[in-house]
Amino acid sequence: MAGIMLLERKGALYKVNMGEPVFEPDLVPVKVSLSGKKLKDGKLLQYPMKVHNKNFRITCVSMGNPHAVIVVKDVQAVPLAYVGPAMEKHRMFPNRTNVEFIQINNRNNITVRVWERGAGETLACGTGASASAVASSLLGLTDRKVHVLLPGGKLTIEWSAKDNHVYMTGPATEVFNGVINI
C-alpha cells in the first residue's frame, strides 16, 4: 500500500490499516493462461509456476503492490537468493513481483521469508506479511488473525471479516534521525 498511513498506538505497538487485498489477476497484475483452468471466486490460488526447472504453486495477492505467496514445509531450506530474482522478473509479472515463502507453524503462526522486488531478501515487509497472512487464510491453512515471524521480528496481521481490510500490528523503532538541507 502506498501513501500516507495512519497509525494507532497500542502501548508499545502500532496498528496500521493496510487496506483491502486485491485478487483479480489483471489488477495484481499477473498474466496467466487460464485455458483449462478456472479461478476460484476470481482468485489465483496455488497456480503452477516453473522456475529453474522446479515447480511451485503461487497464490497472488496485491496489497497495493504485487505478491506471489508460496507455501513450503521449511522456509530456511528455500534457496531464496537463487529463486527469488527469477520469480520477481518472471514473465507472468509485468511489473515484477514480491515473493514470499511461508511456513505454516499452526493456525495462528506462520514464518515468512521475503524477496522484495528491486531490493532482494529483506528482514521484514509489511505488505509481504499482509499478503502472506491473507493467502494462508484463503487456502484454509490459518485463521484470519495470525502472528507472522520474519527475520526482522514479529507482526500480528488480521484480515477483518467485518470490513475486508488488513490490519498490521507491531513495534516501531526509530532507526535514523537527520536533517537534509535543500
N, C-alpha and C. Protein backbone atom coordinates (compact mmCIF):
# COMPACT_ATOMS: atom_id res chain seq x y z
N MET A 1 0.84 -1.16 0.00
CA MET A 1 0.00 0.00 0.00
C MET A 1 0.89 1.23 0.00
N ALA A 2 0.60 2.15 -0.84
CA ALA A 2 1.39 3.37 -0.92
C ALA A 2 0.64 4.53 -0.29
N GLY A 3 1.36 5.59 -0.01
CA GLY A 3 0.73 6.79 0.51
C GLY A 3 0.88 6.93 2.00
N ILE A 4 0.15 7.88 2.56
CA ILE A 4 0.22 8.16 3.98
C ILE A 4 -0.58 7.09 4.74
N MET A 5 0.05 6.54 5.76
CA MET A 5 -0.58 5.51 6.58
C MET A 5 -0.85 6.11 7.96
N LEU A 6 -2.05 5.92 8.47
CA LEU A 6 -2.40 6.41 9.80
C LEU A 6 -2.18 5.29 10.81
N LEU A 7 -1.47 5.63 11.87
CA LEU A 7 -1.13 4.65 12.90
C LEU A 7 -2.00 4.85 14.13
N GLU A 8 -2.29 3.73 14.79
CA GLU A 8 -2.98 3.75 16.06
C GLU A 8 -2.03 3.13 17.08
N ARG A 9 -1.69 3.89 18.10
CA ARG A 9 -0.76 3.39 19.11
C ARG A 9 -1.50 2.50 20.10
N LYS A 10 -0.91 1.31 20.37
CA LYS A 10 -1.48 0.37 21.34
C LYS A 10 -0.35 -0.02 22.30
N GLY A 11 -0.10 0.85 23.29
CA GLY A 11 1.02 0.61 24.21
C GLY A 11 2.32 0.79 23.47
N ALA A 12 3.15 -0.26 23.45
CA ALA A 12 4.44 -0.21 22.75
C ALA A 12 4.31 -0.62 21.29
N LEU A 13 3.09 -0.96 20.87
CA LEU A 13 2.86 -1.42 19.50
C LEU A 13 2.07 -0.39 18.71
N TYR A 14 2.13 -0.53 17.40
CA TYR A 14 1.39 0.36 16.50
C TYR A 14 0.56 -0.49 15.54
N LYS A 15 -0.65 -0.03 15.28
CA LYS A 15 -1.57 -0.72 14.37
C LYS A 15 -1.80 0.17 13.16
N VAL A 16 -1.74 -0.43 11.99
CA VAL A 16 -1.97 0.32 10.76
C VAL A 16 -2.93 -0.44 9.85
N ASN A 17 -3.83 0.30 9.21
CA ASN A 17 -4.75 -0.28 8.24
C ASN A 17 -4.01 -0.39 6.91
N MET A 18 -3.77 -1.61 6.46
CA MET A 18 -3.03 -1.85 5.22
C MET A 18 -3.95 -1.85 4.00
N GLY A 19 -5.24 -1.67 4.19
CA GLY A 19 -6.18 -1.63 3.07
C GLY A 19 -6.75 -3.00 2.75
N GLU A 20 -7.46 -3.06 1.63
CA GLU A 20 -8.09 -4.31 1.20
C GLU A 20 -7.19 -5.06 0.23
N PRO A 21 -7.12 -6.38 0.39
CA PRO A 21 -6.37 -7.18 -0.58
C PRO A 21 -7.10 -7.22 -1.92
N VAL A 22 -6.33 -7.32 -2.98
CA VAL A 22 -6.86 -7.40 -4.35
C VAL A 22 -6.41 -8.74 -4.93
N PHE A 23 -7.33 -9.45 -5.59
CA PHE A 23 -7.04 -10.79 -6.08
C PHE A 23 -7.15 -10.93 -7.60
N GLU A 24 -7.91 -10.08 -8.26
CA GLU A 24 -8.14 -10.22 -9.69
C GLU A 24 -6.80 -10.16 -10.43
N PRO A 25 -6.48 -11.18 -11.23
CA PRO A 25 -5.18 -11.24 -11.90
C PRO A 25 -4.81 -9.96 -12.65
N ASP A 26 -5.74 -9.34 -13.36
CA ASP A 26 -5.41 -8.13 -14.11
C ASP A 26 -5.05 -6.96 -13.20
N LEU A 27 -5.53 -6.99 -11.96
CA LEU A 27 -5.27 -5.89 -11.03
C LEU A 27 -4.06 -6.12 -10.14
N VAL A 28 -3.59 -7.38 -10.04
CA VAL A 28 -2.44 -7.65 -9.16
C VAL A 28 -1.19 -6.91 -9.64
N PRO A 29 -0.74 -6.87 -10.87
CA PRO A 29 -1.16 -7.68 -12.01
C PRO A 29 -0.30 -8.94 -12.17
N VAL A 30 -0.97 -9.97 -12.70
CA VAL A 30 -0.30 -11.20 -13.07
C VAL A 30 -0.94 -11.68 -14.36
N LYS A 31 -0.12 -12.05 -15.32
CA LYS A 31 -0.60 -12.52 -16.63
C LYS A 31 -0.46 -14.04 -16.68
N VAL A 32 -1.59 -14.71 -16.74
CA VAL A 32 -1.59 -16.16 -16.77
C VAL A 32 -2.51 -16.67 -17.86
N SER A 33 -2.24 -17.88 -18.30
CA SER A 33 -3.13 -18.54 -19.25
C SER A 33 -4.17 -19.30 -18.44
N LEU A 34 -5.41 -18.93 -18.62
CA LEU A 34 -6.48 -19.60 -17.87
C LEU A 34 -7.19 -20.65 -18.69
N SER A 35 -6.62 -21.00 -19.86
CA SER A 35 -7.25 -22.04 -20.67
C SER A 35 -7.21 -23.36 -19.91
N GLY A 36 -8.38 -23.92 -19.70
CA GLY A 36 -8.47 -25.19 -18.98
C GLY A 36 -8.37 -25.04 -17.47
N LYS A 37 -8.10 -23.83 -17.00
CA LYS A 37 -8.00 -23.60 -15.56
C LYS A 37 -9.02 -22.55 -15.18
N LYS A 38 -9.57 -22.67 -14.00
CA LYS A 38 -10.55 -21.69 -13.53
C LYS A 38 -10.03 -21.02 -12.28
N LEU A 39 -10.38 -19.77 -12.15
CA LEU A 39 -10.09 -19.06 -10.92
C LEU A 39 -11.10 -19.49 -9.88
N LYS A 40 -10.70 -19.49 -8.63
CA LYS A 40 -11.64 -19.79 -7.55
C LYS A 40 -12.15 -18.45 -7.03
N ASP A 41 -13.41 -18.14 -7.34
CA ASP A 41 -14.00 -16.87 -6.94
C ASP A 41 -13.16 -15.67 -7.37
N GLY A 42 -12.58 -15.74 -8.57
CA GLY A 42 -11.78 -14.63 -9.09
C GLY A 42 -10.38 -14.54 -8.52
N LYS A 43 -9.97 -15.54 -7.74
CA LYS A 43 -8.66 -15.53 -7.09
C LYS A 43 -7.74 -16.56 -7.73
N LEU A 44 -6.47 -16.20 -7.86
CA LEU A 44 -5.47 -17.10 -8.40
C LEU A 44 -4.78 -17.82 -7.24
N LEU A 45 -5.26 -19.01 -6.93
CA LEU A 45 -4.78 -19.78 -5.79
C LEU A 45 -4.01 -21.01 -6.25
N GLN A 46 -2.81 -21.19 -5.68
CA GLN A 46 -2.00 -22.37 -5.95
C GLN A 46 -1.76 -22.59 -7.46
N TYR A 47 -1.51 -21.52 -8.17
CA TYR A 47 -1.29 -21.59 -9.62
C TYR A 47 0.12 -22.13 -9.88
N PRO A 48 0.24 -23.07 -10.83
CA PRO A 48 1.57 -23.65 -11.09
C PRO A 48 2.51 -22.65 -11.77
N MET A 49 3.76 -22.65 -11.30
CA MET A 49 4.81 -21.80 -11.86
C MET A 49 6.11 -22.59 -11.84
N LYS A 50 6.84 -22.53 -12.95
CA LYS A 50 8.10 -23.26 -13.03
C LYS A 50 9.25 -22.25 -13.10
N VAL A 51 10.21 -22.42 -12.19
CA VAL A 51 11.39 -21.56 -12.14
C VAL A 51 12.60 -22.44 -11.90
N HIS A 52 13.63 -22.28 -12.74
CA HIS A 52 14.85 -23.09 -12.62
C HIS A 52 14.52 -24.59 -12.55
N ASN A 53 13.63 -25.03 -13.43
CA ASN A 53 13.22 -26.44 -13.52
C ASN A 53 12.62 -26.98 -12.22
N LYS A 54 12.11 -26.11 -11.39
CA LYS A 54 11.44 -26.54 -10.16
C LYS A 54 10.02 -25.99 -10.19
N ASN A 55 9.07 -26.82 -9.77
CA ASN A 55 7.66 -26.43 -9.77
C ASN A 55 7.26 -25.81 -8.44
N PHE A 56 6.53 -24.72 -8.54
CA PHE A 56 6.00 -24.02 -7.37
C PHE A 56 4.52 -23.80 -7.59
N ARG A 57 3.80 -23.51 -6.52
CA ARG A 57 2.38 -23.15 -6.59
C ARG A 57 2.22 -21.79 -5.91
N ILE A 58 1.83 -20.81 -6.71
CA ILE A 58 1.75 -19.45 -6.19
C ILE A 58 0.30 -19.02 -5.96
N THR A 59 0.12 -18.22 -4.94
CA THR A 59 -1.15 -17.56 -4.68
C THR A 59 -0.86 -16.07 -4.79
N CYS A 60 -1.61 -15.40 -5.66
CA CYS A 60 -1.30 -14.00 -5.96
C CYS A 60 -2.25 -13.04 -5.25
N VAL A 61 -1.65 -12.02 -4.63
CA VAL A 61 -2.39 -11.02 -3.87
C VAL A 61 -1.70 -9.68 -4.10
N SER A 62 -2.49 -8.62 -4.25
CA SER A 62 -1.92 -7.28 -4.24
C SER A 62 -2.34 -6.59 -2.96
N MET A 63 -1.37 -5.96 -2.32
CA MET A 63 -1.63 -5.11 -1.15
C MET A 63 -1.20 -3.68 -1.51
N GLY A 64 -1.51 -3.30 -2.76
CA GLY A 64 -1.01 -2.04 -3.31
C GLY A 64 0.24 -2.28 -4.12
N ASN A 65 0.80 -3.45 -4.00
CA ASN A 65 1.93 -3.93 -4.80
C ASN A 65 1.76 -5.45 -4.95
N PRO A 66 2.30 -6.03 -6.01
CA PRO A 66 2.05 -7.45 -6.29
C PRO A 66 2.87 -8.40 -5.41
N HIS A 67 2.22 -9.51 -5.04
CA HIS A 67 2.87 -10.54 -4.22
C HIS A 67 2.52 -11.92 -4.77
N ALA A 68 3.53 -12.79 -4.80
CA ALA A 68 3.36 -14.21 -5.11
C ALA A 68 3.75 -14.97 -3.85
N VAL A 69 2.78 -15.65 -3.25
CA VAL A 69 2.99 -16.34 -1.98
C VAL A 69 3.06 -17.84 -2.24
N ILE A 70 4.09 -18.48 -1.68
CA ILE A 70 4.31 -19.91 -1.88
C ILE A 70 4.43 -20.58 -0.52
N VAL A 71 3.61 -21.60 -0.29
CA VAL A 71 3.66 -22.36 0.96
C VAL A 71 4.70 -23.46 0.81
N VAL A 72 5.60 -23.55 1.80
CA VAL A 72 6.64 -24.59 1.82
C VAL A 72 6.69 -25.21 3.22
N LYS A 73 7.33 -26.36 3.31
CA LYS A 73 7.45 -27.03 4.62
C LYS A 73 8.48 -26.33 5.50
N ASP A 74 9.56 -25.82 4.90
CA ASP A 74 10.65 -25.22 5.67
C ASP A 74 11.19 -24.00 4.91
N VAL A 75 10.90 -22.80 5.41
CA VAL A 75 11.35 -21.59 4.70
C VAL A 75 12.88 -21.47 4.69
N GLN A 76 13.54 -22.05 5.69
CA GLN A 76 15.00 -21.95 5.74
C GLN A 76 15.67 -22.79 4.65
N ALA A 77 14.97 -23.79 4.14
CA ALA A 77 15.53 -24.66 3.11
C ALA A 77 15.40 -24.05 1.70
N VAL A 78 14.67 -22.96 1.57
CA VAL A 78 14.46 -22.32 0.26
C VAL A 78 15.71 -21.53 -0.13
N PRO A 79 16.27 -21.80 -1.32
CA PRO A 79 17.42 -21.01 -1.80
C PRO A 79 16.93 -19.66 -2.36
N LEU A 80 16.52 -18.78 -1.46
CA LEU A 80 15.84 -17.54 -1.84
C LEU A 80 16.68 -16.67 -2.77
N ALA A 81 17.96 -16.57 -2.54
CA ALA A 81 18.82 -15.74 -3.40
C ALA A 81 18.88 -16.29 -4.82
N TYR A 82 18.57 -17.56 -5.00
CA TYR A 82 18.58 -18.20 -6.32
C TYR A 82 17.23 -18.10 -7.02
N VAL A 83 16.14 -18.46 -6.32
CA VAL A 83 14.83 -18.47 -6.95
C VAL A 83 14.12 -17.12 -6.89
N GLY A 84 14.43 -16.31 -5.88
CA GLY A 84 13.77 -15.02 -5.72
C GLY A 84 13.88 -14.11 -6.93
N PRO A 85 15.11 -13.86 -7.45
CA PRO A 85 15.24 -12.97 -8.60
C PRO A 85 14.52 -13.49 -9.85
N ALA A 86 14.54 -14.80 -10.04
CA ALA A 86 13.88 -15.38 -11.22
C ALA A 86 12.37 -15.24 -11.11
N MET A 87 11.83 -15.41 -9.91
CA MET A 87 10.38 -15.25 -9.72
C MET A 87 9.99 -13.78 -9.85
N GLU A 88 10.77 -12.90 -9.24
CA GLU A 88 10.49 -11.47 -9.30
C GLU A 88 10.33 -10.99 -10.74
N LYS A 89 11.19 -11.47 -11.62
CA LYS A 89 11.23 -10.99 -13.00
C LYS A 89 10.55 -11.93 -13.99
N HIS A 90 9.82 -12.93 -13.49
CA HIS A 90 9.14 -13.90 -14.36
C HIS A 90 8.16 -13.19 -15.29
N ARG A 91 8.02 -13.71 -16.49
CA ARG A 91 7.15 -13.08 -17.50
C ARG A 91 5.69 -12.99 -17.05
N MET A 92 5.29 -13.77 -16.04
CA MET A 92 3.92 -13.70 -15.53
C MET A 92 3.64 -12.35 -14.85
N PHE A 93 4.69 -11.67 -14.44
CA PHE A 93 4.53 -10.44 -13.66
C PHE A 93 5.03 -9.24 -14.46
N PRO A 94 4.13 -8.53 -15.15
CA PRO A 94 4.54 -7.42 -15.99
C PRO A 94 5.21 -6.28 -15.22
N ASN A 95 4.92 -6.13 -13.95
CA ASN A 95 5.55 -5.09 -13.12
C ASN A 95 6.50 -5.69 -12.09
N ARG A 96 6.94 -6.91 -12.35
CA ARG A 96 7.72 -7.69 -11.39
C ARG A 96 6.86 -7.97 -10.15
N THR A 97 7.38 -8.73 -9.21
CA THR A 97 6.58 -9.08 -8.02
C THR A 97 7.46 -9.28 -6.80
N ASN A 98 6.85 -9.14 -5.65
CA ASN A 98 7.47 -9.54 -4.39
C ASN A 98 7.14 -11.02 -4.23
N VAL A 99 8.04 -11.75 -3.60
CA VAL A 99 7.85 -13.20 -3.43
C VAL A 99 7.97 -13.53 -1.95
N GLU A 100 6.97 -14.25 -1.44
CA GLU A 100 7.01 -14.69 -0.05
C GLU A 100 6.93 -16.20 0.01
N PHE A 101 7.88 -16.79 0.72
CA PHE A 101 7.82 -18.21 1.04
C PHE A 101 7.33 -18.30 2.48
N ILE A 102 6.26 -19.07 2.69
CA ILE A 102 5.67 -19.14 4.02
C ILE A 102 5.62 -20.58 4.52
N GLN A 103 5.87 -20.70 5.80
CA GLN A 103 5.81 -21.98 6.50
C GLN A 103 4.68 -21.87 7.52
N ILE A 104 3.75 -22.81 7.46
CA ILE A 104 2.63 -22.82 8.39
C ILE A 104 3.07 -23.54 9.65
N ASN A 105 3.16 -22.82 10.76
CA ASN A 105 3.55 -23.43 12.03
C ASN A 105 2.33 -24.01 12.75
N ASN A 106 1.23 -23.28 12.71
CA ASN A 106 -0.07 -23.73 13.21
C ASN A 106 -1.11 -22.72 12.71
N ARG A 107 -2.34 -22.82 13.13
CA ARG A 107 -3.40 -21.96 12.59
C ARG A 107 -3.22 -20.48 12.94
N ASN A 108 -2.35 -20.18 13.88
CA ASN A 108 -2.18 -18.80 14.32
C ASN A 108 -0.77 -18.25 14.13
N ASN A 109 0.14 -19.04 13.57
CA ASN A 109 1.53 -18.62 13.44
C ASN A 109 2.13 -19.11 12.13
N ILE A 110 2.76 -18.18 11.40
CA ILE A 110 3.48 -18.55 10.18
C ILE A 110 4.86 -17.90 10.21
N THR A 111 5.79 -18.52 9.51
CA THR A 111 7.14 -17.98 9.34
C THR A 111 7.28 -17.60 7.88
N VAL A 112 7.85 -16.42 7.62
CA VAL A 112 7.91 -15.89 6.26
C VAL A 112 9.31 -15.40 5.92
N ARG A 113 9.74 -15.69 4.70
CA ARG A 113 10.93 -15.07 4.11
C ARG A 113 10.48 -14.33 2.87
N VAL A 114 11.01 -13.12 2.71
CA VAL A 114 10.56 -12.22 1.64
C VAL A 114 11.68 -11.89 0.68
N TRP A 115 11.37 -12.01 -0.62
CA TRP A 115 12.21 -11.47 -1.68
C TRP A 115 11.45 -10.26 -2.21
N GLU A 116 11.96 -9.07 -1.92
CA GLU A 116 11.26 -7.85 -2.29
C GLU A 116 11.78 -7.35 -3.65
N ARG A 117 10.84 -7.06 -4.54
CA ARG A 117 11.23 -6.63 -5.88
C ARG A 117 12.09 -5.37 -5.80
N GLY A 118 13.20 -5.44 -6.51
CA GLY A 118 14.12 -4.32 -6.55
C GLY A 118 15.04 -4.20 -5.36
N ALA A 119 14.85 -5.03 -4.33
CA ALA A 119 15.67 -4.92 -3.12
C ALA A 119 16.35 -6.21 -2.72
N GLY A 120 15.77 -7.35 -3.08
CA GLY A 120 16.33 -8.64 -2.67
C GLY A 120 15.69 -9.13 -1.38
N GLU A 121 16.38 -10.02 -0.69
CA GLU A 121 15.82 -10.55 0.56
C GLU A 121 15.82 -9.45 1.61
N THR A 122 14.69 -9.30 2.29
CA THR A 122 14.57 -8.27 3.32
C THR A 122 14.24 -8.91 4.66
N LEU A 123 14.55 -8.18 5.72
CA LEU A 123 14.30 -8.68 7.07
C LEU A 123 12.83 -8.64 7.44
N ALA A 124 12.09 -7.70 6.84
CA ALA A 124 10.67 -7.58 7.12
C ALA A 124 10.01 -6.80 6.00
N CYS A 125 8.72 -7.02 5.83
CA CYS A 125 7.96 -6.33 4.78
C CYS A 125 6.49 -6.35 5.21
N GLY A 126 5.93 -5.18 5.46
CA GLY A 126 4.55 -5.10 5.93
C GLY A 126 3.55 -5.60 4.92
N THR A 127 3.70 -5.21 3.65
CA THR A 127 2.76 -5.70 2.64
C THR A 127 2.97 -7.19 2.40
N GLY A 128 4.23 -7.66 2.50
CA GLY A 128 4.51 -9.08 2.33
C GLY A 128 3.92 -9.92 3.46
N ALA A 129 4.03 -9.43 4.69
CA ALA A 129 3.42 -10.12 5.82
C ALA A 129 1.91 -10.16 5.67
N SER A 130 1.34 -9.04 5.20
CA SER A 130 -0.11 -8.96 4.99
C SER A 130 -0.56 -9.93 3.90
N ALA A 131 0.13 -9.93 2.77
CA ALA A 131 -0.21 -10.84 1.67
C ALA A 131 -0.08 -12.30 2.10
N SER A 132 0.94 -12.60 2.89
CA SER A 132 1.15 -13.97 3.38
C SER A 132 0.03 -14.42 4.30
N ALA A 133 -0.40 -13.53 5.19
CA ALA A 133 -1.50 -13.86 6.10
C ALA A 133 -2.80 -14.06 5.33
N VAL A 134 -3.06 -13.20 4.38
CA VAL A 134 -4.28 -13.32 3.56
C VAL A 134 -4.26 -14.63 2.77
N ALA A 135 -3.13 -14.92 2.12
CA ALA A 135 -3.03 -16.14 1.31
C ALA A 135 -3.19 -17.39 2.17
N SER A 136 -2.55 -17.42 3.33
CA SER A 136 -2.66 -18.62 4.17
C SER A 136 -4.09 -18.81 4.67
N SER A 137 -4.80 -17.71 4.92
CA SER A 137 -6.20 -17.81 5.32
C SER A 137 -7.07 -18.27 4.15
N LEU A 138 -6.85 -17.68 2.97
CA LEU A 138 -7.61 -18.08 1.78
C LEU A 138 -7.47 -19.57 1.49
N LEU A 139 -6.28 -20.09 1.73
CA LEU A 139 -6.02 -21.50 1.46
C LEU A 139 -6.54 -22.41 2.58
N GLY A 140 -7.11 -21.81 3.62
CA GLY A 140 -7.67 -22.59 4.72
C GLY A 140 -6.63 -23.14 5.67
N LEU A 141 -5.42 -22.59 5.64
CA LEU A 141 -4.33 -23.11 6.45
C LEU A 141 -4.20 -22.41 7.79
N THR A 142 -4.74 -21.19 7.88
CA THR A 142 -4.66 -20.42 9.11
C THR A 142 -5.99 -19.69 9.35
N ASP A 143 -6.10 -19.11 10.52
CA ASP A 143 -7.22 -18.24 10.82
C ASP A 143 -6.98 -16.89 10.16
N ARG A 144 -7.93 -15.98 10.29
CA ARG A 144 -7.80 -14.64 9.69
C ARG A 144 -6.88 -13.73 10.48
N LYS A 145 -6.53 -14.12 11.69
CA LYS A 145 -5.58 -13.37 12.50
C LYS A 145 -4.40 -14.29 12.79
N VAL A 146 -3.21 -13.87 12.38
CA VAL A 146 -2.01 -14.69 12.57
C VAL A 146 -0.83 -13.85 13.02
N HIS A 147 0.08 -14.51 13.68
CA HIS A 147 1.36 -13.91 14.03
C HIS A 147 2.32 -14.31 12.92
N VAL A 148 2.99 -13.33 12.35
CA VAL A 148 3.91 -13.56 11.24
C VAL A 148 5.32 -13.34 11.75
N LEU A 149 6.12 -14.40 11.73
CA LEU A 149 7.51 -14.32 12.17
C LEU A 149 8.39 -14.10 10.95
N LEU A 150 9.08 -12.97 10.94
CA LEU A 150 10.01 -12.60 9.88
C LEU A 150 11.41 -12.54 10.48
N PRO A 151 12.46 -12.60 9.67
CA PRO A 151 13.81 -12.48 10.23
C PRO A 151 14.01 -11.21 11.08
N GLY A 152 13.28 -10.14 10.75
CA GLY A 152 13.42 -8.89 11.48
C GLY A 152 12.50 -8.74 12.68
N GLY A 153 11.64 -9.71 12.94
CA GLY A 153 10.75 -9.61 14.09
C GLY A 153 9.37 -10.17 13.81
N LYS A 154 8.45 -9.92 14.75
CA LYS A 154 7.11 -10.50 14.66
C LYS A 154 6.07 -9.40 14.47
N LEU A 155 5.12 -9.68 13.57
CA LEU A 155 3.97 -8.81 13.33
C LEU A 155 2.70 -9.61 13.55
N THR A 156 1.65 -8.94 13.94
CA THR A 156 0.34 -9.59 14.01
C THR A 156 -0.48 -9.00 12.87
N ILE A 157 -1.03 -9.88 12.04
CA ILE A 157 -1.82 -9.46 10.89
C ILE A 157 -3.23 -10.01 11.07
N GLU A 158 -4.21 -9.13 10.91
CA GLU A 158 -5.61 -9.54 10.99
C GLU A 158 -6.33 -9.08 9.74
N TRP A 159 -6.92 -10.04 9.02
CA TRP A 159 -7.74 -9.75 7.85
C TRP A 159 -9.19 -9.74 8.34
N SER A 160 -9.72 -8.56 8.50
CA SER A 160 -11.04 -8.38 9.12
C SER A 160 -12.16 -8.91 8.23
N ALA A 161 -13.00 -9.76 8.80
CA ALA A 161 -14.19 -10.24 8.09
C ALA A 161 -15.24 -9.13 8.04
N LYS A 162 -15.14 -8.16 8.96
CA LYS A 162 -16.13 -7.09 9.05
C LYS A 162 -15.99 -6.09 7.89
N ASP A 163 -14.77 -5.63 7.60
CA ASP A 163 -14.59 -4.60 6.57
C ASP A 163 -13.64 -5.01 5.44
N ASN A 164 -13.14 -6.25 5.46
CA ASN A 164 -12.25 -6.80 4.44
C ASN A 164 -10.89 -6.11 4.40
N HIS A 165 -10.58 -5.28 5.40
CA HIS A 165 -9.27 -4.62 5.46
C HIS A 165 -8.30 -5.50 6.23
N VAL A 166 -7.02 -5.29 5.94
CA VAL A 166 -5.95 -6.00 6.63
C VAL A 166 -5.32 -5.03 7.62
N TYR A 167 -5.18 -5.47 8.87
CA TYR A 167 -4.60 -4.63 9.92
C TYR A 167 -3.30 -5.27 10.40
N MET A 168 -2.25 -4.45 10.41
CA MET A 168 -0.93 -4.91 10.83
C MET A 168 -0.58 -4.24 12.16
N THR A 169 -0.16 -5.05 13.14
CA THR A 169 0.24 -4.54 14.44
C THR A 169 1.65 -5.04 14.75
N GLY A 170 2.51 -4.10 15.16
CA GLY A 170 3.87 -4.47 15.51
C GLY A 170 4.61 -3.30 16.12
N PRO A 171 5.85 -3.53 16.49
CA PRO A 171 6.65 -2.48 17.10
C PRO A 171 7.19 -1.52 16.03
N ALA A 172 7.52 -0.33 16.46
CA ALA A 172 8.18 0.65 15.59
C ALA A 172 9.37 1.21 16.35
N THR A 173 10.50 1.25 15.69
CA THR A 173 11.72 1.73 16.32
C THR A 173 12.36 2.78 15.42
N GLU A 174 12.74 3.90 15.99
CA GLU A 174 13.44 4.92 15.22
C GLU A 174 14.83 4.39 14.90
N VAL A 175 15.18 4.38 13.62
CA VAL A 175 16.49 3.89 13.23
C VAL A 175 17.39 4.99 12.68
N PHE A 176 16.81 6.15 12.42
CA PHE A 176 17.61 7.25 11.90
C PHE A 176 16.90 8.56 12.16
N ASN A 177 17.66 9.57 12.43
CA ASN A 177 17.15 10.92 12.58
C ASN A 177 18.14 11.84 11.91
N GLY A 178 17.69 12.66 11.01
CA GLY A 178 18.62 13.52 10.31
C GLY A 178 17.96 14.75 9.74
N VAL A 179 18.77 15.61 9.18
CA VAL A 179 18.30 16.83 8.54
C VAL A 179 18.91 16.92 7.15
N ILE A 180 18.08 17.27 6.19
CA ILE A 180 18.56 17.43 4.82
C ILE A 180 18.37 18.89 4.45
N ASN A 181 19.43 19.55 4.05
CA ASN A 181 19.34 20.92 3.57
C ASN A 181 19.11 20.92 2.06
N ILE A 182 18.06 21.56 1.65
CA ILE A 182 17.74 21.60 0.23
C ILE A 182 17.94 23.01 -0.29
